[in-house]
C-alpha atoms as a PDB file:
ATOM      1  CA  MET A   1     131.142 133.601  64.503  1.00  0.00           C
ATOM      2  CA  SER A   2     128.927 132.720  67.026  1.00  0.00           C
ATOM      3  CA  ALA A   3     130.357 131.608  70.711  1.00  0.00           C
ATOM      4  CA  LEU A   4     130.392 128.189  71.876  1.00  0.00           C
ATOM      5  CA  SER A   5     128.280 127.559  74.578  1.00  0.00           C
ATOM      6  CA  PRO A   6     129.271 126.760  78.189  1.00  0.00           C
ATOM      7  CA  ALA A   7     129.235 123.386  78.172  1.00  0.00           C
ATOM      8  CA  ALA A   8     130.556 122.607  74.510  1.00  0.00           C
ATOM      9  CA  ALA A   9     133.774 124.622  75.415  1.00  0.00           C
ATOM     10  CA  ALA A  10     134.145 122.485  78.623  1.00  0.00           C
ATOM     11  CA  LYS A  11     133.902 119.710  76.731  1.00  0.00           C
ATOM     12  CA  PRO A  12     137.592 119.739  74.825  1.00  0.00           C
ATOM     13  CA  ALA A  13     139.353 120.362  78.051  1.00  0.00           C
ATOM     14  CA  LEU A  14     136.932 117.711  79.617  1.00  0.00           C
ATOM     15  CA  GLN A  15     138.533 115.131  77.400  1.00  0.00           C
ATOM     16  CA  PHE A  16     141.781 116.514  77.426  1.00  0.00           C
ATOM     17  CA  ASN A  17     142.079 116.089  80.926  1.00  0.00           C
ATOM     18  CA  MET A  18     140.628 112.179  81.208  1.00  0.00           C
ATOM     19  CA  GLN A  19     143.321 111.715  78.657  1.00  0.00           C
ATOM     20  CA  ALA A  20     145.952 113.312  81.057  1.00  0.00           C
ATOM     21  CA  VAL A  21     144.530 111.070  84.020  1.00  0.00           C
ATOM     22  CA  VAL A  22     144.405 107.870  82.321  1.00  0.00           C
ATOM     23  CA  LEU A  23     148.147 108.247  81.421  1.00  0.00           C
ATOM     24  CA  CYS A  24     149.216 109.287  84.623  1.00  0.00           C
ATOM     25  CA  TYR A  25     147.808 106.416  85.892  1.00  0.00           C
ATOM     26  CA  ILE A  26     149.201 103.461  83.594  1.00  0.00           C
ATOM     27  CA  PHE A  27     152.614 105.494  83.407  1.00  0.00           C
ATOM     28  CA  ILE A  28     153.281 106.720  86.926  1.00  0.00           C
ATOM     29  CA  VAL A  29     150.904 105.360  89.665  1.00  0.00           C
ATOM     30  CA  LEU A  30     150.405 101.741  88.345  1.00  0.00           C
ATOM     31  CA  PRO A  31     153.894 101.257  88.517  1.00  0.00           C
ATOM     32  CA  LEU A  32     153.789 102.453  91.969  1.00  0.00           C
ATOM     33  CA  PHE A  33     151.559  99.610  92.996  1.00  0.00           C
ATOM     34  CA  ASP A  34     153.825  96.831  91.012  1.00  0.00           C
ATOM     35  CA  MET A  35     157.071  98.293  93.114  1.00  0.00           C
ATOM     36  CA  LEU A  36     154.742  97.331  96.216  1.00  0.00           C
ATOM     37  CA  ASN A  37     154.023  94.364  95.513  1.00  0.00           C
ATOM     38  CA  GLY A  38     157.767  93.609  94.126  1.00  0.00           C
ATOM     39  CA  PHE A  39     158.652  94.581  97.479  1.00  0.00           C
ATOM     40  CA  LEU A  40     156.139  92.778  99.707  1.00  0.00           C
ATOM     41  CA  ILE A  41     157.204  89.712  97.948  1.00  0.00           C
ATOM     42  CA  GLY A  42     160.981  90.364  98.105  1.00  0.00           C
ATOM     43  CA  GLN A  43     160.514  91.016 101.360  1.00  0.00           C
ATOM     44  CA  ASP A  44     158.664  87.761 102.353  1.00  0.00           C
ATOM     45  CA  TYR A  45     155.730  89.915 103.650  1.00  0.00           C
ATOM     46  CA  LEU A  46     153.384  88.466 100.146  1.00  0.00           C
ATOM     47  CA  ALA A  47     153.640  85.002  98.291  1.00  0.00           C
ATOM     48  CA  ALA A  48     154.019  85.399  94.324  1.00  0.00           C
ATOM     49  CA  GLY A  49     150.225  84.866  93.080  1.00  0.00           C
ATOM     50  CA  THR A  50     148.590  86.573  96.102  1.00  0.00           C
ATOM     51  CA  LEU A  51     144.596  87.143  95.550  1.00  0.00           C
ATOM     52  CA  ALA A  52     144.428  90.975  96.261  1.00  0.00           C
ATOM     53  CA  SER A  53     148.008  92.090  95.829  1.00  0.00           C
ATOM     54  CA  PRO A  54     148.672  95.319  94.757  1.00  0.00           C
ATOM     55  CA  SER A  55     149.319  94.538  91.459  1.00  0.00           C
ATOM     56  CA  GLN A  56     145.620  92.981  91.011  1.00  0.00           C
ATOM     57  CA  ILE A  57     144.342  96.282  93.073  1.00  0.00           C
ATOM     58  CA  GLY A  58     146.066  98.555  90.556  1.00  0.00           C
ATOM     59  CA  ARG A  59     145.244  96.825  87.906  1.00  0.00           C
ATOM     60  CA  PHE A  60     141.711  97.021  88.552  1.00  0.00           C
ATOM     61  CA  ILE A  61     141.222 100.397  89.481  1.00  0.00           C
ATOM     62  CA  ALA A  62     143.258 100.710  85.941  1.00  0.00           C
ATOM     63  CA  ILE A  63     139.949  99.262  84.389  1.00  0.00           C
ATOM     64  CA  ILE A  64     137.305 101.621  85.868  1.00  0.00           C
ATOM     65  CA  LEU A  65     139.298 104.484  84.496  1.00  0.00           C
ATOM     66  CA  LEU A  66     139.765 102.988  80.974  1.00  0.00           C
ATOM     67  CA  PHE A  67     136.262 101.530  81.146  1.00  0.00           C
ATOM     68  CA  ALA A  68     135.421 105.406  81.804  1.00  0.00           C
ATOM     69  CA  TYR A  69     137.410 106.848  79.111  1.00  0.00           C
ATOM     70  CA  THR A  70     136.705 104.323  76.316  1.00  0.00           C
ATOM     71  CA  ALA A  71     133.382 103.670  76.944  1.00  0.00           C
ATOM     72  CA  LYS A  72     132.587 105.847  73.829  1.00  0.00           C
ATOM     73  CA  PHE A  73     134.488 103.620  71.497  1.00  0.00           C
ATOM     74  CA  LYS A  74     133.323 100.794  69.946  1.00  0.00           C
ATOM     75  CA  TYR A  75     133.778  97.948  71.521  1.00  0.00           C
ATOM     76  CA  SER A  76     134.771  94.480  69.290  1.00  0.00           C
ATOM     77  CA  PRO A  77     131.211  92.536  69.728  1.00  0.00           C
ATOM     78  CA  TYR A  78     133.020  89.221  69.355  1.00  0.00           C
ATOM     79  CA  LEU A  79     135.626  90.403  71.967  1.00  0.00           C
ATOM     80  CA  ILE A  80     132.873  91.510  74.687  1.00  0.00           C
ATOM     81  CA  LEU A  81     131.016  88.091  74.099  1.00  0.00           C
ATOM     82  CA  LEU A  82     134.004  86.330  74.586  1.00  0.00           C
ATOM     83  CA  PHE A  83     134.600  87.305  78.368  1.00  0.00           C
ATOM     84  CA  PHE A  84     131.368  87.277  79.284  1.00  0.00           C
ATOM     85  CA  TRP A  85     131.590  83.566  78.119  1.00  0.00           C
ATOM     86  CA  LEU A  86     135.300  83.262  80.107  1.00  0.00           C
ATOM     87  CA  PHE A  87     132.836  84.845  83.075  1.00  0.00           C
ATOM     88  CA  PHE A  88     130.197  83.017  82.642  1.00  0.00           C
ATOM     89  CA  LEU A  89     132.597  79.221  82.660  1.00  0.00           C
ATOM     90  CA  GLU A  90     134.442  80.334  85.746  1.00  0.00           C
ATOM     91  CA  GLY A  91     131.385  80.742  87.634  1.00  0.00           C
ATOM     92  CA  LEU A  92     129.738  77.237  85.833  1.00  0.00           C
ATOM     93  CA  PHE A  93     133.933  75.992  86.604  1.00  0.00           C
ATOM     94  CA  PHE A  94     132.576  77.055  90.644  1.00  0.00           C
ATOM     95  CA  PHE A  95     129.738  74.699  90.929  1.00  0.00           C
ATOM     96  CA  ARG A  96     131.428  71.225  89.975  1.00  0.00           C
ATOM     97  CA  HIS A  97     134.766  72.016  92.325  1.00  0.00           C
ATOM     98  CA  ASN A  98     133.903  74.429  94.698  1.00  0.00           C
ATOM     99  CA  ASN A  99     136.988  76.090  95.319  1.00  0.00           C
ATOM    100  CA  ILE A 100     136.825  79.416  96.542  1.00  0.00           C
ATOM    101  CA  SER A 101     140.793  79.857  95.600  1.00  0.00           C
ATOM    102  CA  GLY A 102     140.461  78.622  92.186  1.00  0.00           C
ATOM    103  CA  VAL A 103     137.477  80.316  90.679  1.00  0.00           C
ATOM    104  CA  ALA A 104     139.162  83.318  92.392  1.00  0.00           C
ATOM    105  CA  ILE A 105     142.377  82.977  90.824  1.00  0.00           C
ATOM    106  CA  GLY A 106     140.429  82.138  86.865  1.00  0.00           C
ATOM    107  CA  TYR A 107     138.792  85.375  87.599  1.00  0.00           C
ATOM    108  CA  ALA A 108     141.390  87.365  87.984  1.00  0.00           C
ATOM    109  CA  ASN A 109     142.884  86.418  84.807  1.00  0.00           C
ATOM    110  CA  VAL A 110     139.732  87.185  83.249  1.00  0.00           C
ATOM    111  CA  ILE A 111     140.595  90.743  84.875  1.00  0.00           C
ATOM    112  CA  ARG A 112     143.572  90.294  82.962  1.00  0.00           C
ATOM    113  CA  LEU A 113     142.532  89.923  79.874  1.00  0.00           C
ATOM    114  CA  LEU A 114     140.369  92.544  79.939  1.00  0.00           C
ATOM    115  CA  TYR A 115     142.347  95.164  81.566  1.00  0.00           C
ATOM    116  CA  MET A 116     145.225  94.172  78.347  1.00  0.00           C
ATOM    117  CA  TYR A 117     141.982  94.813  75.787  1.00  0.00           C
ATOM    118  CA  LEU A 118     140.863  97.640  77.275  1.00  0.00           C
ATOM    119  CA  VAL A 119     144.410  98.849  77.223  1.00  0.00           C
ATOM    120  CA  PHE A 120     144.786  98.410  73.922  1.00  0.00           C
ATOM    121  CA  VAL A 121     141.654 100.074  72.926  1.00  0.00           C
ATOM    122  CA  ALA A 122     142.567 103.200  74.843  1.00  0.00           C
ATOM    123  CA  PHE A 123     145.962 103.539  73.180  1.00  0.00           C
ATOM    124  CA  LYS A 124     144.724 103.304  69.971  1.00  0.00           C
ATOM    125  CA  ASN A 125     142.697 106.429  70.694  1.00  0.00           C
ATOM    126  CA  LEU A 126     145.398 108.078  71.873  1.00  0.00           C
ATOM    127  CA  PHE A 127     147.695 107.071  69.606  1.00  0.00           C
ATOM    128  CA  ALA A 128     145.692 107.793  66.543  1.00  0.00           C
ATOM    129  CA  ASN A 129     144.135 112.105  68.382  1.00  0.00           C
ATOM    130  CA  ASP A 130     147.376 112.767  70.905  1.00  0.00           C
ATOM    131  CA  PHE A 131     150.593 110.350  69.655  1.00  0.00           C
ATOM    132  CA  THR A 132     153.543 112.902  71.158  1.00  0.00           C
ATOM    133  CA  THR A 133     151.710 113.230  74.579  1.00  0.00           C
ATOM    134  CA  VAL A 134     151.817 109.262  74.615  1.00  0.00           C
ATOM    135  CA  ILE A 135     155.752 109.117  73.890  1.00  0.00           C
ATOM    136  CA  LYS A 136     156.260 112.280  76.870  1.00  0.00           C
ATOM    137  CA  PHE A 137     154.645 110.000  79.421  1.00  0.00           C
ATOM    138  CA  LEU A 138     156.751 106.765  78.161  1.00  0.00           C
ATOM    139  CA  LYS A 139     158.989 109.471  78.712  1.00  0.00           C
ATOM    140  CA  TYR A 140     158.246 109.985  82.522  1.00  0.00           C
ATOM    141  CA  ASN A 141     157.738 106.583  83.404  1.00  0.00           C
ATOM    142  CA  VAL A 142     161.148 104.898  81.938  1.00  0.00           C
ATOM    143  CA  MET A 143     162.496 107.878  83.837  1.00  0.00           C
ATOM    144  CA  PHE A 144     160.885 107.114  86.808  1.00  0.00           C
ATOM    145  CA  ILE A 145     161.169 103.305  87.049  1.00  0.00           C
ATOM    146  CA  CYS A 146     165.116 103.454  86.724  1.00  0.00           C
ATOM    147  CA  LEU A 147     165.160 106.132  89.190  1.00  0.00           C
ATOM    148  CA  SER A 148     163.246 103.994  91.828  1.00  0.00           C
ATOM    149  CA  VAL A 149     166.158 101.062  90.289  1.00  0.00           C
ATOM    150  CA  VAL A 150     168.717 103.279  91.097  1.00  0.00           C
ATOM    151  CA  ILE A 151     167.303 104.648  94.457  1.00  0.00           C
ATOM    152  CA  ALA A 152     166.590 101.342  95.808  1.00  0.00           C
ATOM    153  CA  SER A 153     169.528  99.918  95.117  1.00  0.00           C
ATOM    154  CA  PHE A 154     171.979 102.675  97.118  1.00  0.00           C
ATOM    155  CA  THR A 155     169.175 102.260  99.574  1.00  0.00           C
ATOM    156  CA  GLY A 156     169.824  98.648 100.086  1.00  0.00           C
ATOM    157  CA  LEU A 157     165.919  97.947  99.965  1.00  0.00           C
ATOM    158  CA  ALA A 158     166.226  96.475  96.435  1.00  0.00           C
ATOM    159  CA  ASN A 159     164.892  92.856  95.860  1.00  0.00           C
ATOM    160  CA  SER A 160     168.062  90.879  94.427  1.00  0.00           C
ATOM    161  CA  THR A 161     167.789  89.392  91.011  1.00  0.00           C
ATOM    162  CA  TYR A 162     169.400  85.918  91.233  1.00  0.00           C
ATOM    163  CA  GLY A 163     168.916  86.149  95.627  1.00  0.00           C
ATOM    164  CA  TRP A 164     172.400  85.783  95.813  1.00  0.00           C
ATOM    165  CA  GLY A 165     175.487  88.146  93.493  1.00  0.00           C
ATOM    166  CA  ALA A 166     174.815  92.088  93.107  1.00  0.00           C
ATOM    167  CA  GLY A 167     172.162  92.418  90.740  1.00  0.00           C
ATOM    168  CA  THR A 168     169.229  94.221  92.038  1.00  0.00           C
ATOM    169  CA  LYS A 169     165.766  94.289  90.616  1.00  0.00           C
ATOM    170  CA  GLY A 170     164.788  97.610  92.665  1.00  0.00           C
ATOM    171  CA  PHE A 171     161.644  97.241  93.677  1.00  0.00           C
ATOM    172  CA  PHE A 172     159.869  94.710  91.111  1.00  0.00           C
ATOM    173  CA  SER A 173     159.595  91.336  91.272  1.00  0.00           C
ATOM    174  CA  SER A 174     160.995  90.383  87.771  1.00  0.00           C
ATOM    175  CA  GLY A 175     164.399  91.397  86.796  1.00  0.00           C
ATOM    176  CA  ASN A 176     164.048  90.348  82.530  1.00  0.00           C
ATOM    177  CA  GLY A 177     160.864  91.654  82.339  1.00  0.00           C
ATOM    178  CA  LEU A 178     162.145  94.864  83.864  1.00  0.00           C
ATOM    179  CA  GLY A 179     165.128  94.781  81.915  1.00  0.00           C
ATOM    180  CA  ILE A 180     163.601  94.059  78.208  1.00  0.00           C
ATOM    181  CA  TYR A 181     160.263  96.405  79.266  1.00  0.00           C
ATOM    182  CA  ILE A 182     163.609  99.779  79.999  1.00  0.00           C
ATOM    183  CA  GLY A 183     165.451  98.641  76.910  1.00  0.00           C
ATOM    184  CA  VAL A 184     162.510  98.537  74.513  1.00  0.00           C
ATOM    185  CA  ALA A 185     160.927 101.702  76.281  1.00  0.00           C
ATOM    186  CA  THR A 186     164.129 103.474  75.855  1.00  0.00           C
ATOM    187  CA  LEU A 187     164.545 102.577  72.292  1.00  0.00           C
ATOM    188  CA  ILE A 188     161.204 103.791  71.405  1.00  0.00           C
ATOM    189  CA  LEU A 189     162.391 106.972  73.183  1.00  0.00           C
ATOM    190  CA  ALA A 190     165.507 106.768  70.841  1.00  0.00           C
ATOM    191  CA  ALA A 191     163.597 106.039  67.281  1.00  0.00           C
ATOM    192  CA  MET A 192     161.004 108.754  68.249  1.00  0.00           C
ATOM    193  CA  LYS A 193     163.928 111.320  68.165  1.00  0.00           C
ATOM    194  CA  LYS A 194     166.007 109.922  65.494  1.00  0.00           C
ATOM    195  CA  TYR A 195     162.672 110.019  63.234  1.00  0.00           C
ATOM    196  CA  ARG A 196     161.823 113.674  64.478  1.00  0.00           C
ATOM    197  CA  ILE A 197     158.289 112.614  66.266  1.00  0.00           C
ATOM    198  CA  TYR A 198     159.582 113.807  69.495  1.00  0.00           C
ATOM    199  CA  THR A 199     162.275 115.244  70.017  1.00  0.00           C
ATOM    200  CA  ASN A 200     162.457 116.426  73.218  1.00  0.00           C
ATOM    201  CA  THR A 201     164.496 113.381  75.709  1.00  0.00           C
ATOM    202  CA  PRO A 202     167.552 114.347  77.288  1.00  0.00           C
ATOM    203  CA  ILE A 203     170.814 112.894  77.378  1.00  0.00           C
ATOM    204  CA  VAL A 204     170.067 111.839  80.794  1.00  0.00           C
ATOM    205  CA  ILE A 205     167.185 109.306  79.894  1.00  0.00           C
ATOM    206  CA  PHE A 206     169.585 106.941  78.776  1.00  0.00           C
ATOM    207  CA  GLY A 207     172.145 107.377  81.105  1.00  0.00           C
ATOM    208  CA  LEU A 208     169.311 106.241  83.995  1.00  0.00           C
ATOM    209  CA  SER A 209     168.574 103.157  81.327  1.00  0.00           C
ATOM    210  CA  ALA A 210     172.000 102.126  81.348  1.00  0.00           C
ATOM    211  CA  SER A 211     172.315 103.010  85.258  1.00  0.00           C
ATOM    212  CA  ALA A 212     169.519 100.574  85.742  1.00  0.00           C
ATOM    213  CA  LEU A 213     170.174  97.791  83.518  1.00  0.00           C
ATOM    214  CA  ILE A 214     173.594  97.351  84.623  1.00  0.00           C
ATOM    215  CA  LEU A 215     172.201  97.243  88.349  1.00  0.00           C
ATOM    216  CA  LEU A 216     169.962  94.567  87.190  1.00  0.00           C
ATOM    217  CA  GLY A 217     173.014  92.376  86.163  1.00  0.00           C
ATOM    218  CA  THR A 218     171.008  89.813  84.061  1.00  0.00           C
ATOM    219  CA  LYS A 219     172.415  88.915  80.571  1.00  0.00           C
ATOM    220  CA  THR A 220     169.105  90.194  79.322  1.00  0.00           C
ATOM    221  CA  SER A 221     169.937  93.807  80.776  1.00  0.00           C
ATOM    222  CA  PHE A 222     173.464  93.672  79.768  1.00  0.00           C
ATOM    223  CA  LEU A 223     172.020  92.868  75.887  1.00  0.00           C
ATOM    224  CA  MET A 224     169.528  95.584  76.252  1.00  0.00           C
ATOM    225  CA  LEU A 225     172.537  97.758  78.054  1.00  0.00           C
ATOM    226  CA  LEU A 226     173.976  97.474  74.424  1.00  0.00           C
ATOM    227  CA  LEU A 227     171.398  98.526  72.436  1.00  0.00           C
ATOM    228  CA  VAL A 228     170.499 101.195  74.190  1.00  0.00           C
ATOM    229  CA  MET A 229     174.066 102.310  74.058  1.00  0.00           C
ATOM    230  CA  PHE A 230     173.675 102.207  70.434  1.00  0.00           C
ATOM    231  CA  ALA A 231     170.889 103.846  70.297  1.00  0.00           C
ATOM    232  CA  GLY A 232     171.873 106.710  71.607  1.00  0.00           C
ATOM    233  CA  PHE A 233     174.142 107.043  69.208  1.00  0.00           C
ATOM    234  CA  TRP A 234     171.857 106.385  66.135  1.00  0.00           C
ATOM    235  CA  SER A 235     169.425 108.542  67.717  1.00  0.00           C
ATOM    236  CA  GLY A 236     171.582 112.016  68.262  1.00  0.00           C
ATOM    237  CA  ARG A 237     171.535 112.525  71.978  1.00  0.00           C
ATOM    238  CA  LEU A 238     175.007 110.840  72.217  1.00  0.00           C
ATOM    239  CA  LYS A 239     178.116 111.766  70.888  1.00  0.00           C
ATOM    240  CA  ILE A 240     181.492 110.630  70.653  1.00  0.00           C
ATOM    241  CA  ASN A 241     182.854 113.898  72.293  1.00  0.00           C
ATOM    242  CA  GLN A 242     180.492 113.476  74.829  1.00  0.00           C
ATOM    243  CA  ILE A 243     182.189 110.000  76.374  1.00  0.00           C
END
C-alpha cells in the first residue's frame, strides 16, 4: 500500500477541524452574541432592531464561516439569483427614497435570509456525514443556554420575561422563543436517546432544561416543561424511582 502524501493526509483533519469550528461557533459562540444583545436591550442600553447589534455582528461572522465551509458544495442557482435580485432591489429602492436607515434594514433582512440558507446547506452535509457530532453539539448548546438562564436568574442579572412577576428569560430578549427552543431541542435529544441514535445524554440535561423552563414562567414554557418531563420518562433517562 502506497503512503499518502502529506497534503492528502492533512485534508481529512482540516475538514474535521472546519466542521468543529462551524459547529462550535453556531452552537456555543453565537448564543453569546444573542445573550449580549438581549442583555443590552433588557437594560435599555440598546433599542430592539438596532443596526449593527451584537446579534447582527455575530450572524455576519457566522455567514463568513458558513460560506468558507459550504463553498465546495452545490448551491441552488435559483436561490443565488434570488439573493442577487434582492440585493439589487434594495439598492434600486435606495435611489428612490434616499433613506440610509431603510436600505440598511433591508440589507440586514436579506443577510438574515442568506444566513438561514447557508445554515441549511451546511447542516444538510453535516447530517449526512457526521450526524452524531451535530447532536453532541446540540447537547452542549442546550446545557449552555439552560445554565445561562439559571445563572442569570440567581445573580439578579436576568431580563424579566414580562417586565413584572417572577419569570426571567436569562440574558435573552425573547422568552417565548427561548422556551420553544429549549423544549424542542431537549425533545430531539430524548428521541435520539430513545432510538439509540445518540445515547450519551445525561439526566442533568433534563434537569437543567426543566429548571430553565420553570424560570421562564411563560405558558409556552410550562407546556414545554410537561413535554420534557414526558420525554425524559419516554427516553428512559428518568425512572419513577429517581423522583
